[in-house]
Amino acid sequence: MIQARSVIPGLEARIDEAASHVLDDILRTGARCGTPEHVPSPGMMNGLSGIGYGLLRLADPDRVPSLLALDPPCSRAGVIPHASAASDRTALP
């Protein structure tokens, strides 16, 4: 949905409305994992981590990369190239 929002007219408003409903539901009933009987799980695909990451992507898709598309990490200025990311690390003493 996030990638499609830029090419499908009117999708942005529908995504925002759906996100609002999800947040309202979480506030009312708590986060429910996609596990049998909604047992809390820390997992990324169907657990609490995935719920949180999905909401972060909806809030700021330009800064939070897609895990499924294997997007590279982003910075405030944009995508960090792999070569410069390695050179930015400082060695520990």
N, C-alpha and C. Protein backbone atom coordinates (compact mmCIF):
# COMPACT_ATOMS: atom_id res chain seq x y z
N MET A 1 0.82 -1.20 0.00
CA MET A 1 0.00 0.00 0.00
C MET A 1 0.85 1.25 0.00
N ILE A 2 1.95 1.22 0.74
CA ILE A 2 2.76 2.42 0.86
C ILE A 2 3.39 2.78 -0.48
N GLN A 3 3.89 1.79 -1.23
CA GLN A 3 4.47 2.08 -2.53
C GLN A 3 3.40 2.53 -3.51
N ALA A 4 2.19 2.01 -3.40
CA ALA A 4 1.12 2.34 -4.33
C ALA A 4 0.52 3.72 -4.09
N ARG A 5 0.72 4.28 -2.92
CA ARG A 5 0.08 5.56 -2.60
C ARG A 5 0.48 6.68 -3.54
N SER A 6 1.68 6.59 -4.13
CA SER A 6 2.13 7.66 -5.02
C SER A 6 1.55 7.54 -6.42
N VAL A 7 1.01 6.39 -6.79
CA VAL A 7 0.50 6.22 -8.16
C VAL A 7 -1.01 6.02 -8.25
N ILE A 8 -1.67 5.76 -7.17
CA ILE A 8 -3.12 5.56 -7.20
C ILE A 8 -3.81 6.76 -6.55
N PRO A 9 -4.56 7.52 -7.34
CA PRO A 9 -5.23 8.71 -6.79
C PRO A 9 -6.20 8.34 -5.67
N GLY A 10 -6.17 9.11 -4.59
CA GLY A 10 -7.08 8.92 -3.47
C GLY A 10 -6.65 7.86 -2.48
N LEU A 11 -5.60 7.13 -2.77
CA LEU A 11 -5.18 6.06 -1.86
C LEU A 11 -4.60 6.61 -0.57
N GLU A 12 -3.95 7.75 -0.64
CA GLU A 12 -3.34 8.37 0.56
C GLU A 12 -4.37 8.55 1.67
N ALA A 13 -5.54 9.10 1.32
CA ALA A 13 -6.59 9.32 2.32
C ALA A 13 -7.12 8.00 2.88
N ARG A 14 -7.24 6.98 2.03
CA ARG A 14 -7.73 5.69 2.49
C ARG A 14 -6.73 5.02 3.42
N ILE A 15 -5.44 5.17 3.12
CA ILE A 15 -4.40 4.61 3.99
C ILE A 15 -4.43 5.30 5.34
N ASP A 16 -4.55 6.62 5.33
CA ASP A 16 -4.61 7.36 6.60
C ASP A 16 -5.83 6.96 7.42
N GLU A 17 -6.95 6.76 6.75
CA GLU A 17 -8.18 6.33 7.45
C GLU A 17 -8.01 4.93 8.04
N ALA A 18 -7.42 4.03 7.28
CA ALA A 18 -7.19 2.67 7.78
C ALA A 18 -6.23 2.69 8.96
N ALA A 19 -5.17 3.48 8.89
CA ALA A 19 -4.21 3.59 9.99
C ALA A 19 -4.90 4.14 11.24
N SER A 20 -5.77 5.10 11.06
CA SER A 20 -6.51 5.67 12.18
C SER A 20 -7.38 4.61 12.86
N HIS A 21 -8.04 3.77 12.05
CA HIS A 21 -8.87 2.70 12.61
C HIS A 21 -8.00 1.68 13.38
N VAL A 22 -6.83 1.37 12.83
CA VAL A 22 -5.94 0.42 13.50
C VAL A 22 -5.49 0.99 14.85
N LEU A 23 -5.09 2.26 14.87
CA LEU A 23 -4.65 2.88 16.12
C LEU A 23 -5.78 2.94 17.14
N ASP A 24 -6.99 3.28 16.70
CA ASP A 24 -8.15 3.30 17.60
C ASP A 24 -8.40 1.91 18.19
N ASP A 25 -8.29 0.88 17.34
CA ASP A 25 -8.51 -0.49 17.81
C ASP A 25 -7.44 -0.90 18.82
N ILE A 26 -6.18 -0.51 18.57
CA ILE A 26 -5.11 -0.82 19.51
C ILE A 26 -5.35 -0.13 20.85
N LEU A 27 -5.82 1.11 20.81
CA LEU A 27 -6.11 1.83 22.05
C LEU A 27 -7.26 1.18 22.83
N ARG A 28 -8.27 0.69 22.09
CA ARG A 28 -9.43 0.08 22.75
C ARG A 28 -9.15 -1.32 23.28
N THR A 29 -8.49 -2.16 22.46
CA THR A 29 -8.38 -3.57 22.81
C THR A 29 -6.95 -4.05 23.02
N GLY A 30 -5.97 -3.19 22.73
CA GLY A 30 -4.58 -3.60 22.80
C GLY A 30 -4.14 -4.21 21.48
N ALA A 31 -2.85 -4.34 21.31
CA ALA A 31 -2.32 -4.92 20.07
C ALA A 31 -2.58 -6.41 20.06
N ARG A 32 -3.12 -6.92 18.96
CA ARG A 32 -3.42 -8.34 18.83
C ARG A 32 -2.54 -8.93 17.74
N CYS A 33 -1.73 -9.86 18.12
CA CYS A 33 -0.80 -10.50 17.18
C CYS A 33 -1.54 -11.45 16.25
N GLY A 34 -0.90 -11.77 15.14
CA GLY A 34 -1.48 -12.70 14.17
C GLY A 34 -1.16 -14.15 14.51
N THR A 35 -1.14 -14.47 15.77
CA THR A 35 -0.86 -15.83 16.23
C THR A 35 -2.18 -16.48 16.66
N PRO A 36 -2.21 -17.81 16.78
CA PRO A 36 -3.44 -18.45 17.26
C PRO A 36 -3.88 -17.84 18.60
N GLU A 37 -5.14 -17.50 18.67
CA GLU A 37 -5.75 -16.88 19.85
C GLU A 37 -5.09 -15.56 20.23
N HIS A 38 -4.39 -14.94 19.27
CA HIS A 38 -3.75 -13.62 19.46
C HIS A 38 -2.78 -13.59 20.64
N VAL A 39 -2.10 -14.72 20.87
CA VAL A 39 -1.11 -14.79 21.93
C VAL A 39 0.01 -13.81 21.62
N PRO A 40 0.40 -12.94 22.57
CA PRO A 40 1.45 -11.97 22.29
C PRO A 40 2.76 -12.65 21.87
N SER A 41 3.36 -12.09 20.82
CA SER A 41 4.60 -12.63 20.28
C SER A 41 5.50 -11.46 19.91
N PRO A 42 6.80 -11.58 20.11
CA PRO A 42 7.70 -10.47 19.75
C PRO A 42 8.06 -10.46 18.26
N GLY A 43 7.56 -11.39 17.48
CA GLY A 43 7.97 -11.58 16.10
C GLY A 43 7.72 -10.40 15.18
N MET A 44 8.55 -10.33 14.14
CA MET A 44 8.43 -9.25 13.16
C MET A 44 7.31 -9.51 12.16
N MET A 45 7.09 -10.76 11.79
CA MET A 45 6.09 -11.03 10.75
C MET A 45 4.65 -11.00 11.27
N ASN A 46 4.40 -11.53 12.45
CA ASN A 46 3.02 -11.55 12.95
C ASN A 46 2.94 -11.18 14.43
N GLY A 47 3.96 -10.52 14.93
CA GLY A 47 3.97 -10.17 16.36
C GLY A 47 4.01 -8.68 16.61
N LEU A 48 4.33 -8.34 17.84
CA LEU A 48 4.33 -6.94 18.27
C LEU A 48 5.35 -6.09 17.53
N SER A 49 6.51 -6.67 17.21
CA SER A 49 7.52 -5.92 16.45
C SER A 49 6.99 -5.54 15.08
N GLY A 50 6.30 -6.46 14.44
CA GLY A 50 5.73 -6.18 13.12
C GLY A 50 4.64 -5.13 13.17
N ILE A 51 3.84 -5.15 14.22
CA ILE A 51 2.80 -4.13 14.38
C ILE A 51 3.43 -2.76 14.53
N GLY A 52 4.42 -2.66 15.41
CA GLY A 52 5.11 -1.38 15.61
C GLY A 52 5.83 -0.91 14.37
N TYR A 53 6.52 -1.81 13.69
CA TYR A 53 7.26 -1.43 12.49
C TYR A 53 6.31 -0.98 11.38
N GLY A 54 5.20 -1.68 11.24
CA GLY A 54 4.20 -1.27 10.25
C GLY A 54 3.65 0.12 10.51
N LEU A 55 3.40 0.43 11.77
CA LEU A 55 2.91 1.76 12.12
C LEU A 55 3.98 2.82 11.88
N LEU A 56 5.25 2.51 12.16
CA LEU A 56 6.33 3.44 11.85
C LEU A 56 6.41 3.70 10.35
N ARG A 57 6.26 2.65 9.54
CA ARG A 57 6.30 2.82 8.09
C ARG A 57 5.16 3.69 7.61
N LEU A 58 3.98 3.52 8.20
CA LEU A 58 2.85 4.36 7.80
C LEU A 58 3.08 5.81 8.19
N ALA A 59 3.70 6.03 9.34
CA ALA A 59 3.92 7.40 9.82
C ALA A 59 4.97 8.13 8.99
N ASP A 60 6.02 7.43 8.56
CA ASP A 60 7.10 8.09 7.83
C ASP A 60 7.76 7.11 6.86
N PRO A 61 7.07 6.79 5.76
CA PRO A 61 7.59 5.79 4.83
C PRO A 61 8.88 6.20 4.13
N ASP A 62 9.18 7.49 4.09
CA ASP A 62 10.41 7.94 3.45
C ASP A 62 11.64 7.66 4.31
N ARG A 63 11.46 7.54 5.61
CA ARG A 63 12.60 7.31 6.51
C ARG A 63 12.69 5.90 7.05
N VAL A 64 11.58 5.16 7.02
CA VAL A 64 11.57 3.79 7.55
C VAL A 64 11.55 2.83 6.35
N PRO A 65 12.65 2.10 6.14
CA PRO A 65 12.73 1.24 4.95
C PRO A 65 11.81 0.04 5.02
N SER A 66 11.46 -0.47 3.86
CA SER A 66 10.65 -1.67 3.77
C SER A 66 11.53 -2.89 3.97
N LEU A 67 11.19 -3.72 4.94
CA LEU A 67 11.94 -4.95 5.17
C LEU A 67 11.65 -5.97 4.07
N LEU A 68 10.42 -6.01 3.60
CA LEU A 68 10.06 -7.00 2.58
C LEU A 68 10.70 -6.68 1.24
N ALA A 69 10.89 -5.41 0.93
CA ALA A 69 11.53 -5.01 -0.33
C ALA A 69 13.05 -4.96 -0.19
N LEU A 70 13.55 -5.25 1.00
CA LEU A 70 14.99 -5.19 1.28
C LEU A 70 15.58 -3.82 0.96
N ASP A 71 14.82 -2.77 1.27
CA ASP A 71 15.32 -1.41 1.08
C ASP A 71 16.49 -1.15 2.01
N PRO A 72 17.47 -0.35 1.58
CA PRO A 72 18.59 -0.02 2.46
C PRO A 72 18.13 0.93 3.56
N PRO A 73 18.91 1.06 4.64
CA PRO A 73 18.55 2.00 5.71
C PRO A 73 18.54 3.43 5.19
N CYS A 74 17.75 4.27 5.83
CA CYS A 74 17.63 5.67 5.43
C CYS A 74 18.18 6.57 6.52
N SER A 75 18.57 7.76 6.12
CA SER A 75 18.97 8.79 7.07
C SER A 75 18.03 9.97 6.85
N ARG A 76 18.21 11.02 7.61
CA ARG A 76 17.38 12.21 7.40
C ARG A 76 17.61 12.80 6.02
N ALA A 77 18.80 12.67 5.49
CA ALA A 77 19.13 13.22 4.18
C ALA A 77 18.72 12.27 3.06
N GLY A 78 18.40 11.04 3.36
CA GLY A 78 18.02 10.08 2.33
C GLY A 78 18.70 8.75 2.57
N VAL A 79 18.85 7.99 1.52
CA VAL A 79 19.42 6.65 1.62
C VAL A 79 20.92 6.74 1.86
N ILE A 80 21.41 5.91 2.77
CA ILE A 80 22.84 5.86 3.06
C ILE A 80 23.46 4.83 2.12
N PRO A 81 24.39 5.24 1.25
CA PRO A 81 25.05 4.26 0.39
C PRO A 81 25.85 3.26 1.23
N HIS A 82 25.90 2.02 0.79
CA HIS A 82 26.58 0.98 1.55
C HIS A 82 28.05 1.30 1.78
N ALA A 83 28.77 1.83 0.79
CA ALA A 83 30.20 2.11 0.93
C ALA A 83 30.46 3.18 1.99
N SER A 84 29.68 4.25 1.99
CA SER A 84 29.93 5.31 2.97
C SER A 84 29.46 4.91 4.36
N ALA A 85 28.47 4.02 4.44
CA ALA A 85 28.00 3.58 5.76
C ALA A 85 29.12 2.86 6.50
N ALA A 86 29.91 2.07 5.79
CA ALA A 86 31.01 1.35 6.43
C ALA A 86 32.10 2.31 6.86
N SER A 87 32.34 3.36 6.10
CA SER A 87 33.41 4.29 6.44
C SER A 87 33.01 5.22 7.58
N ASP A 88 31.73 5.34 7.87
CA ASP A 88 31.26 6.20 8.96
C ASP A 88 31.46 5.56 10.33
N ARG A 89 31.70 4.27 10.38
CA ARG A 89 31.87 3.57 11.66
C ARG A 89 33.22 3.93 12.25
N THR A 90 33.22 4.10 13.54
CA THR A 90 34.50 4.39 14.20
C THR A 90 34.96 3.13 14.91
N ALA A 91 36.25 2.93 14.92
CA ALA A 91 36.81 1.74 15.57
C ALA A 91 36.80 1.92 17.07
N LEU A 92 36.53 0.84 17.76
CA LEU A 92 36.56 0.86 19.21
C LEU A 92 38.00 0.73 19.68
N PRO A 93 38.37 1.38 20.79
CA PRO A 93 39.76 1.28 21.28
C PRO A 93 40.09 -0.11 21.77
